[in-house]
Amino acid sequence: MISVLLVDDDAMARTGLRLIIAGDPELVVVGDAEDGEAGLRAIRELAPDVVLLDIRMPV
């Protein structure tokens, strides 16, 4: 299993990515965050294998 963290300020984007990832049995979304600070906290707490991050997002 590959753990994925979604970090994006757009809730629709996070939901869409979650639905796409749910279709792959080798991937699991372990959490999401809506800004950079929450994303960093989630990375430290969840230690995901992959972080999908919106690079044009507010800190």
N, C-alpha and C. Protein backbone atom coordinates (compact mmCIF):
# COMPACT_ATOMS: atom_id res chain seq x y z
N MET A 1 0.83 -1.19 0.00
CA MET A 1 0.00 0.00 0.00
C MET A 1 0.87 1.25 0.00
N ILE A 2 0.53 2.18 -0.84
CA ILE A 2 1.21 3.46 -0.89
C ILE A 2 0.30 4.50 -0.26
N SER A 3 0.78 5.16 0.79
CA SER A 3 -0.04 6.17 1.48
C SER A 3 0.15 7.53 0.82
N VAL A 4 -0.96 8.24 0.64
CA VAL A 4 -0.97 9.52 -0.06
C VAL A 4 -1.62 10.58 0.82
N LEU A 5 -1.00 11.75 0.86
CA LEU A 5 -1.57 12.92 1.53
C LEU A 5 -1.90 13.95 0.47
N LEU A 6 -3.11 14.50 0.51
CA LEU A 6 -3.54 15.52 -0.44
C LEU A 6 -3.47 16.89 0.23
N VAL A 7 -2.81 17.85 -0.42
CA VAL A 7 -2.71 19.20 0.13
C VAL A 7 -3.09 20.18 -0.98
N ASP A 8 -4.27 20.80 -0.82
CA ASP A 8 -4.77 21.73 -1.83
C ASP A 8 -5.80 22.64 -1.16
N ASP A 9 -5.79 23.92 -1.50
CA ASP A 9 -6.76 24.84 -0.92
C ASP A 9 -8.14 24.71 -1.55
N ASP A 10 -8.25 24.00 -2.65
CA ASP A 10 -9.52 23.80 -3.34
C ASP A 10 -10.13 22.46 -2.90
N ALA A 11 -11.23 22.54 -2.16
CA ALA A 11 -11.88 21.33 -1.64
C ALA A 11 -12.34 20.40 -2.76
N MET A 12 -12.80 20.98 -3.87
CA MET A 12 -13.24 20.16 -5.01
C MET A 12 -12.07 19.37 -5.59
N ALA A 13 -10.91 19.99 -5.66
CA ALA A 13 -9.72 19.30 -6.18
C ALA A 13 -9.35 18.14 -5.26
N ARG A 14 -9.38 18.39 -3.95
CA ARG A 14 -9.06 17.31 -3.00
C ARG A 14 -10.05 16.16 -3.13
N THR A 15 -11.32 16.49 -3.26
CA THR A 15 -12.35 15.45 -3.40
C THR A 15 -12.16 14.67 -4.69
N GLY A 16 -11.89 15.36 -5.78
CA GLY A 16 -11.68 14.69 -7.06
C GLY A 16 -10.48 13.77 -7.03
N LEU A 17 -9.38 14.25 -6.47
CA LEU A 17 -8.19 13.41 -6.36
C LEU A 17 -8.45 12.19 -5.48
N ARG A 18 -9.19 12.40 -4.39
CA ARG A 18 -9.52 11.29 -3.49
C ARG A 18 -10.31 10.21 -4.24
N LEU A 19 -11.27 10.64 -5.07
CA LEU A 19 -12.07 9.68 -5.84
C LEU A 19 -11.22 8.93 -6.86
N ILE A 20 -10.33 9.63 -7.52
CA ILE A 20 -9.45 8.99 -8.50
C ILE A 20 -8.54 7.98 -7.81
N ILE A 21 -7.94 8.37 -6.71
CA ILE A 21 -7.02 7.50 -5.99
C ILE A 21 -7.74 6.28 -5.43
N ALA A 22 -9.00 6.46 -5.02
CA ALA A 22 -9.78 5.34 -4.46
C ALA A 22 -9.95 4.21 -5.47
N GLY A 23 -9.81 4.51 -6.75
CA GLY A 23 -9.95 3.50 -7.79
C GLY A 23 -8.73 2.60 -7.94
N ASP A 24 -7.65 2.91 -7.27
CA ASP A 24 -6.44 2.10 -7.36
C ASP A 24 -6.24 1.35 -6.05
N PRO A 25 -6.27 0.02 -6.09
CA PRO A 25 -6.15 -0.76 -4.86
C PRO A 25 -4.79 -0.65 -4.17
N GLU A 26 -3.78 -0.13 -4.86
CA GLU A 26 -2.45 -0.01 -4.26
C GLU A 26 -2.23 1.33 -3.56
N LEU A 27 -3.20 2.24 -3.67
CA LEU A 27 -3.08 3.57 -3.08
C LEU A 27 -4.13 3.77 -2.00
N VAL A 28 -3.76 4.50 -0.95
CA VAL A 28 -4.72 4.86 0.09
C VAL A 28 -4.46 6.30 0.52
N VAL A 29 -5.51 7.11 0.55
CA VAL A 29 -5.39 8.49 1.02
C VAL A 29 -5.45 8.46 2.54
N VAL A 30 -4.37 8.91 3.17
CA VAL A 30 -4.30 8.88 4.63
C VAL A 30 -4.75 10.20 5.26
N GLY A 31 -4.92 11.23 4.44
CA GLY A 31 -5.38 12.51 4.97
C GLY A 31 -5.33 13.59 3.92
N ASP A 32 -5.82 14.77 4.31
CA ASP A 32 -5.74 15.92 3.42
C ASP A 32 -5.61 17.19 4.25
N ALA A 33 -5.19 18.25 3.60
CA ALA A 33 -5.01 19.54 4.26
C ALA A 33 -5.34 20.64 3.27
N GLU A 34 -5.78 21.80 3.81
CA GLU A 34 -6.21 22.89 2.93
C GLU A 34 -5.22 24.04 2.81
N ASP A 35 -4.10 23.96 3.54
CA ASP A 35 -3.06 24.99 3.37
C ASP A 35 -1.70 24.40 3.74
N GLY A 36 -0.67 25.18 3.50
CA GLY A 36 0.69 24.69 3.71
C GLY A 36 1.00 24.33 5.15
N GLU A 37 0.54 25.14 6.09
CA GLU A 37 0.81 24.85 7.50
C GLU A 37 0.15 23.55 7.94
N ALA A 38 -1.11 23.37 7.57
CA ALA A 38 -1.81 22.13 7.90
C ALA A 38 -1.17 20.95 7.18
N GLY A 39 -0.69 21.19 5.97
CA GLY A 39 0.00 20.14 5.23
C GLY A 39 1.26 19.68 5.93
N LEU A 40 2.05 20.62 6.43
CA LEU A 40 3.28 20.26 7.15
C LEU A 40 2.97 19.47 8.42
N ARG A 41 1.93 19.90 9.14
CA ARG A 41 1.54 19.16 10.35
C ARG A 41 1.13 17.73 9.99
N ALA A 42 0.35 17.59 8.91
CA ALA A 42 -0.12 16.27 8.49
C ALA A 42 1.05 15.39 8.03
N ILE A 43 2.02 15.98 7.36
CA ILE A 43 3.20 15.21 6.93
C ILE A 43 3.94 14.67 8.14
N ARG A 44 4.13 15.52 9.14
CA ARG A 44 4.83 15.08 10.35
C ARG A 44 4.05 14.01 11.10
N GLU A 45 2.74 14.17 11.16
CA GLU A 45 1.90 13.23 11.91
C GLU A 45 1.68 11.91 11.18
N LEU A 46 1.42 11.98 9.87
CA LEU A 46 1.01 10.80 9.11
C LEU A 46 2.16 10.10 8.37
N ALA A 47 3.25 10.81 8.11
CA ALA A 47 4.40 10.27 7.38
C ALA A 47 3.98 9.52 6.11
N PRO A 48 3.29 10.21 5.19
CA PRO A 48 2.84 9.54 3.96
C PRO A 48 4.01 9.22 3.03
N ASP A 49 3.78 8.25 2.15
CA ASP A 49 4.79 7.91 1.14
C ASP A 49 4.85 8.99 0.06
N VAL A 50 3.68 9.56 -0.28
CA VAL A 50 3.56 10.55 -1.35
C VAL A 50 2.71 11.72 -0.87
N VAL A 51 3.11 12.94 -1.25
CA VAL A 51 2.30 14.12 -0.98
C VAL A 51 1.95 14.74 -2.32
N LEU A 52 0.65 14.84 -2.62
CA LEU A 52 0.19 15.55 -3.80
C LEU A 52 -0.14 16.97 -3.34
N LEU A 53 0.62 17.94 -3.87
CA LEU A 53 0.59 19.30 -3.35
C LEU A 53 0.34 20.31 -4.46
N ASP A 54 -0.58 21.22 -4.22
CA ASP A 54 -0.83 22.34 -5.12
C ASP A 54 0.26 23.37 -4.86
N ILE A 55 1.09 23.66 -5.86
CA ILE A 55 2.21 24.58 -5.64
C ILE A 55 1.77 26.05 -5.64
N ARG A 56 0.54 26.34 -6.03
CA ARG A 56 0.03 27.72 -6.02
C ARG A 56 -1.00 27.90 -4.91
N MET A 57 -0.68 27.43 -3.76
CA MET A 57 -1.61 27.43 -2.64
C MET A 57 -1.11 28.39 -1.57
N PRO A 58 -2.04 29.04 -0.86
CA PRO A 58 -1.60 29.91 0.23
C PRO A 58 -0.91 29.12 1.33
N VAL A 59 0.02 29.77 1.99
CA VAL A 59 0.73 29.13 3.10
C VAL A 59 -0.23 29.07 4.25
